[in-house]
Amino acid sequence: MQKSLQSAEYQRLIALLIAARHKAGIRQHGLAKKLGKPQSFVAKYEGGERRLDVVEFITIAEALGADPAKLFKQFLRGKSRSA
């Protein structure tokens, strides 16, 4: 199992969060404000410089107004297609 920030699976997960942010019409700065974090926090995970854990994924999804379980199911569906 590859743990790299550059793995195709991790990049796909981040792309899903970026798409959810765009769909919500929220800029990085606005999301960071909702999270109580600096804008660089969002830029670093979106840019592949920082790895997210599950709790952060849930917090980010909720800040975007998305259902974390639905987003994760969407991620898993994509994995089954590429496996």
N, C-alpha and C. Protein backbone atom coordinates (compact mmCIF):
# COMPACT_ATOMS: atom_id res chain seq x y z
N MET A 1 0.85 -1.18 0.00
CA MET A 1 0.00 0.00 0.00
C MET A 1 0.89 1.24 0.00
N GLN A 2 0.70 2.07 -0.97
CA GLN A 2 1.48 3.30 -1.11
C GLN A 2 0.90 4.39 -0.21
N LYS A 3 1.76 5.02 0.61
CA LYS A 3 1.30 6.08 1.51
C LYS A 3 1.64 7.47 0.99
N SER A 4 2.13 7.55 -0.19
CA SER A 4 2.58 8.82 -0.74
C SER A 4 1.43 9.80 -0.94
N LEU A 5 1.77 11.06 -0.75
CA LEU A 5 0.81 12.12 -1.07
C LEU A 5 0.54 12.17 -2.56
N GLN A 6 1.42 11.57 -3.33
CA GLN A 6 1.31 11.62 -4.78
C GLN A 6 0.61 10.39 -5.37
N SER A 7 0.12 9.50 -4.53
CA SER A 7 -0.56 8.31 -5.06
C SER A 7 -1.82 8.74 -5.83
N ALA A 8 -2.16 7.96 -6.82
CA ALA A 8 -3.34 8.27 -7.64
C ALA A 8 -4.60 8.27 -6.79
N GLU A 9 -4.70 7.38 -5.83
CA GLU A 9 -5.89 7.30 -4.98
C GLU A 9 -6.03 8.55 -4.11
N TYR A 10 -4.92 8.98 -3.53
CA TYR A 10 -4.99 10.17 -2.67
C TYR A 10 -5.30 11.41 -3.51
N GLN A 11 -4.71 11.50 -4.67
CA GLN A 11 -4.99 12.64 -5.56
C GLN A 11 -6.45 12.66 -5.96
N ARG A 12 -7.04 11.49 -6.15
CA ARG A 12 -8.45 11.41 -6.50
C ARG A 12 -9.34 11.87 -5.34
N LEU A 13 -8.93 11.53 -4.11
CA LEU A 13 -9.68 11.96 -2.93
C LEU A 13 -9.64 13.49 -2.81
N ILE A 14 -8.47 14.07 -3.01
CA ILE A 14 -8.34 15.52 -2.93
C ILE A 14 -9.13 16.19 -4.06
N ALA A 15 -9.10 15.61 -5.25
CA ALA A 15 -9.87 16.16 -6.37
C ALA A 15 -11.36 16.17 -6.03
N LEU A 16 -11.81 15.16 -5.32
CA LEU A 16 -13.21 15.10 -4.89
C LEU A 16 -13.54 16.25 -3.94
N LEU A 17 -12.64 16.54 -3.01
CA LEU A 17 -12.86 17.64 -2.08
C LEU A 17 -12.80 18.99 -2.79
N ILE A 18 -11.90 19.12 -3.74
CA ILE A 18 -11.80 20.37 -4.50
C ILE A 18 -13.09 20.58 -5.31
N ALA A 19 -13.58 19.52 -5.93
CA ALA A 19 -14.83 19.61 -6.70
C ALA A 19 -15.99 20.00 -5.78
N ALA A 20 -16.02 19.45 -4.58
CA ALA A 20 -17.09 19.79 -3.63
C ALA A 20 -16.98 21.26 -3.22
N ARG A 21 -15.76 21.75 -3.07
CA ARG A 21 -15.57 23.16 -2.71
C ARG A 21 -16.04 24.06 -3.85
N HIS A 22 -15.68 23.70 -5.07
CA HIS A 22 -16.13 24.49 -6.22
C HIS A 22 -17.65 24.45 -6.35
N LYS A 23 -18.24 23.28 -6.16
CA LYS A 23 -19.69 23.14 -6.26
C LYS A 23 -20.40 24.01 -5.21
N ALA A 24 -19.76 24.13 -4.03
CA ALA A 24 -20.34 24.95 -2.97
C ALA A 24 -20.09 26.44 -3.21
N GLY A 25 -19.25 26.75 -4.19
CA GLY A 25 -18.96 28.15 -4.49
C GLY A 25 -18.12 28.83 -3.42
N ILE A 26 -17.26 28.06 -2.80
CA ILE A 26 -16.43 28.58 -1.71
C ILE A 26 -14.97 28.62 -2.15
N ARG A 27 -14.32 29.74 -1.90
CA ARG A 27 -12.88 29.87 -2.18
C ARG A 27 -12.09 29.27 -1.02
N GLN A 28 -10.81 29.02 -1.27
CA GLN A 28 -9.95 28.47 -0.22
C GLN A 28 -9.99 29.31 1.04
N HIS A 29 -9.93 30.62 0.89
CA HIS A 29 -9.93 31.51 2.05
C HIS A 29 -11.22 31.36 2.86
N GLY A 30 -12.35 31.27 2.17
CA GLY A 30 -13.63 31.12 2.86
C GLY A 30 -13.73 29.80 3.59
N LEU A 31 -13.23 28.74 2.97
CA LEU A 31 -13.24 27.43 3.64
C LEU A 31 -12.33 27.46 4.86
N ALA A 32 -11.16 28.03 4.70
CA ALA A 32 -10.22 28.11 5.82
C ALA A 32 -10.85 28.86 7.00
N LYS A 33 -11.56 29.94 6.69
CA LYS A 33 -12.22 30.71 7.74
C LYS A 33 -13.25 29.85 8.47
N LYS A 34 -14.04 29.08 7.72
CA LYS A 34 -15.02 28.18 8.34
C LYS A 34 -14.37 27.13 9.22
N LEU A 35 -13.17 26.71 8.82
CA LEU A 35 -12.44 25.68 9.57
C LEU A 35 -11.64 26.25 10.74
N GLY A 36 -11.51 27.58 10.78
CA GLY A 36 -10.69 28.20 11.81
C GLY A 36 -9.20 27.96 11.58
N LYS A 37 -8.84 27.85 10.30
CA LYS A 37 -7.45 27.58 9.92
C LYS A 37 -6.98 28.67 8.97
N PRO A 38 -5.66 28.78 8.79
CA PRO A 38 -5.16 29.72 7.78
C PRO A 38 -5.43 29.19 6.37
N GLN A 39 -5.48 30.08 5.41
CA GLN A 39 -5.72 29.68 4.01
C GLN A 39 -4.67 28.68 3.55
N SER A 40 -3.47 28.78 4.09
CA SER A 40 -2.40 27.86 3.68
C SER A 40 -2.73 26.41 4.03
N PHE A 41 -3.55 26.17 5.05
CA PHE A 41 -3.97 24.81 5.39
C PHE A 41 -4.69 24.17 4.20
N VAL A 42 -5.64 24.92 3.63
CA VAL A 42 -6.40 24.42 2.49
C VAL A 42 -5.49 24.28 1.27
N ALA A 43 -4.67 25.29 1.02
CA ALA A 43 -3.76 25.25 -0.13
C ALA A 43 -2.80 24.07 -0.04
N LYS A 44 -2.33 23.76 1.16
CA LYS A 44 -1.36 22.66 1.31
C LYS A 44 -2.00 21.30 1.08
N TYR A 45 -3.21 21.06 1.58
CA TYR A 45 -3.78 19.74 1.32
C TYR A 45 -4.27 19.64 -0.11
N GLU A 46 -4.78 20.74 -0.67
CA GLU A 46 -5.22 20.69 -2.07
C GLU A 46 -4.04 20.57 -3.02
N GLY A 47 -2.90 21.10 -2.64
CA GLY A 47 -1.71 21.06 -3.48
C GLY A 47 -0.86 19.81 -3.28
N GLY A 48 -1.28 18.94 -2.38
CA GLY A 48 -0.55 17.70 -2.16
C GLY A 48 0.65 17.83 -1.24
N GLU A 49 0.72 18.91 -0.49
CA GLU A 49 1.84 19.09 0.46
C GLU A 49 1.51 18.57 1.85
N ARG A 50 0.24 18.33 2.12
CA ARG A 50 -0.21 17.91 3.44
C ARG A 50 -1.24 16.81 3.30
N ARG A 51 -1.12 15.79 4.11
CA ARG A 51 -2.05 14.66 4.08
C ARG A 51 -3.17 14.90 5.10
N LEU A 52 -4.39 14.59 4.72
CA LEU A 52 -5.54 14.71 5.62
C LEU A 52 -5.80 13.39 6.33
N ASP A 53 -6.31 13.49 7.55
CA ASP A 53 -6.79 12.28 8.22
C ASP A 53 -8.31 12.22 8.08
N VAL A 54 -8.90 11.17 8.56
CA VAL A 54 -10.34 10.95 8.39
C VAL A 54 -11.15 12.05 9.10
N VAL A 55 -10.74 12.43 10.28
CA VAL A 55 -11.47 13.46 11.02
C VAL A 55 -11.43 14.78 10.26
N GLU A 56 -10.29 15.12 9.68
CA GLU A 56 -10.18 16.35 8.90
C GLU A 56 -11.06 16.27 7.65
N PHE A 57 -11.09 15.11 7.00
CA PHE A 57 -11.95 14.92 5.82
C PHE A 57 -13.40 15.21 6.18
N ILE A 58 -13.85 14.66 7.30
CA ILE A 58 -15.24 14.85 7.74
C ILE A 58 -15.51 16.32 8.04
N THR A 59 -14.59 16.97 8.74
CA THR A 59 -14.75 18.38 9.10
C THR A 59 -14.81 19.26 7.85
N ILE A 60 -13.95 18.97 6.89
CA ILE A 60 -13.92 19.75 5.65
C ILE A 60 -15.21 19.55 4.87
N ALA A 61 -15.64 18.30 4.73
CA ALA A 61 -16.88 18.02 3.99
C ALA A 61 -18.06 18.76 4.63
N GLU A 62 -18.15 18.71 5.94
CA GLU A 62 -19.25 19.38 6.62
C GLU A 62 -19.17 20.89 6.45
N ALA A 63 -17.97 21.45 6.48
CA ALA A 63 -17.80 22.90 6.27
C ALA A 63 -18.24 23.30 4.87
N LEU A 64 -18.15 22.37 3.93
CA LEU A 64 -18.58 22.63 2.56
C LEU A 64 -20.07 22.39 2.36
N GLY A 65 -20.74 21.93 3.42
CA GLY A 65 -22.16 21.64 3.32
C GLY A 65 -22.44 20.32 2.64
N ALA A 66 -21.42 19.47 2.57
CA ALA A 66 -21.56 18.16 1.93
C ALA A 66 -21.68 17.07 3.00
N ASP A 67 -22.30 15.98 2.63
CA ASP A 67 -22.41 14.82 3.52
C ASP A 67 -21.12 14.01 3.40
N PRO A 68 -20.33 13.92 4.47
CA PRO A 68 -19.06 13.20 4.39
C PRO A 68 -19.23 11.73 3.96
N ALA A 69 -20.29 11.09 4.43
CA ALA A 69 -20.51 9.69 4.06
C ALA A 69 -20.78 9.55 2.56
N LYS A 70 -21.57 10.46 2.01
CA LYS A 70 -21.86 10.42 0.57
C LYS A 70 -20.60 10.69 -0.24
N LEU A 71 -19.79 11.66 0.21
CA LEU A 71 -18.55 11.95 -0.51
C LEU A 71 -17.63 10.74 -0.48
N PHE A 72 -17.53 10.09 0.68
CA PHE A 72 -16.65 8.93 0.77
C PHE A 72 -17.18 7.77 -0.06
N LYS A 73 -18.48 7.59 -0.09
CA LYS A 73 -19.07 6.54 -0.95
C LYS A 73 -18.76 6.83 -2.41
N GLN A 74 -18.81 8.09 -2.79
CA GLN A 74 -18.46 8.48 -4.16
C GLN A 74 -17.01 8.12 -4.45
N PHE A 75 -16.14 8.36 -3.49
CA PHE A 75 -14.72 8.00 -3.63
C PHE A 75 -14.59 6.48 -3.81
N LEU A 76 -15.29 5.71 -3.00
CA LEU A 76 -15.20 4.25 -3.07
C LEU A 76 -15.74 3.71 -4.38
N ARG A 77 -16.80 4.30 -4.90
CA ARG A 77 -17.35 3.87 -6.19
C ARG A 77 -16.30 4.06 -7.29
N GLY A 78 -15.59 5.14 -7.25
CA GLY A 78 -14.54 5.40 -8.23
C GLY A 78 -13.41 4.40 -8.11
N LYS A 79 -13.14 3.95 -6.90
CA LYS A 79 -12.06 2.97 -6.68
C LYS A 79 -12.43 1.64 -7.30
N SER A 80 -13.70 1.24 -7.18
CA SER A 80 -14.10 -0.05 -7.74
C SER A 80 -13.99 -0.07 -9.26
N ARG A 81 -14.19 1.09 -9.88
CA ARG A 81 -14.06 1.17 -11.34
C ARG A 81 -12.61 1.03 -11.78
N SER A 82 -11.69 1.58 -10.97
CA SER A 82 -10.28 1.56 -11.39
C SER A 82 -9.55 0.33 -10.90
N ALA A 83 -10.16 -0.47 -10.04
CA ALA A 83 -9.48 -1.65 -9.47
C ALA A 83 -9.54 -2.82 -10.43
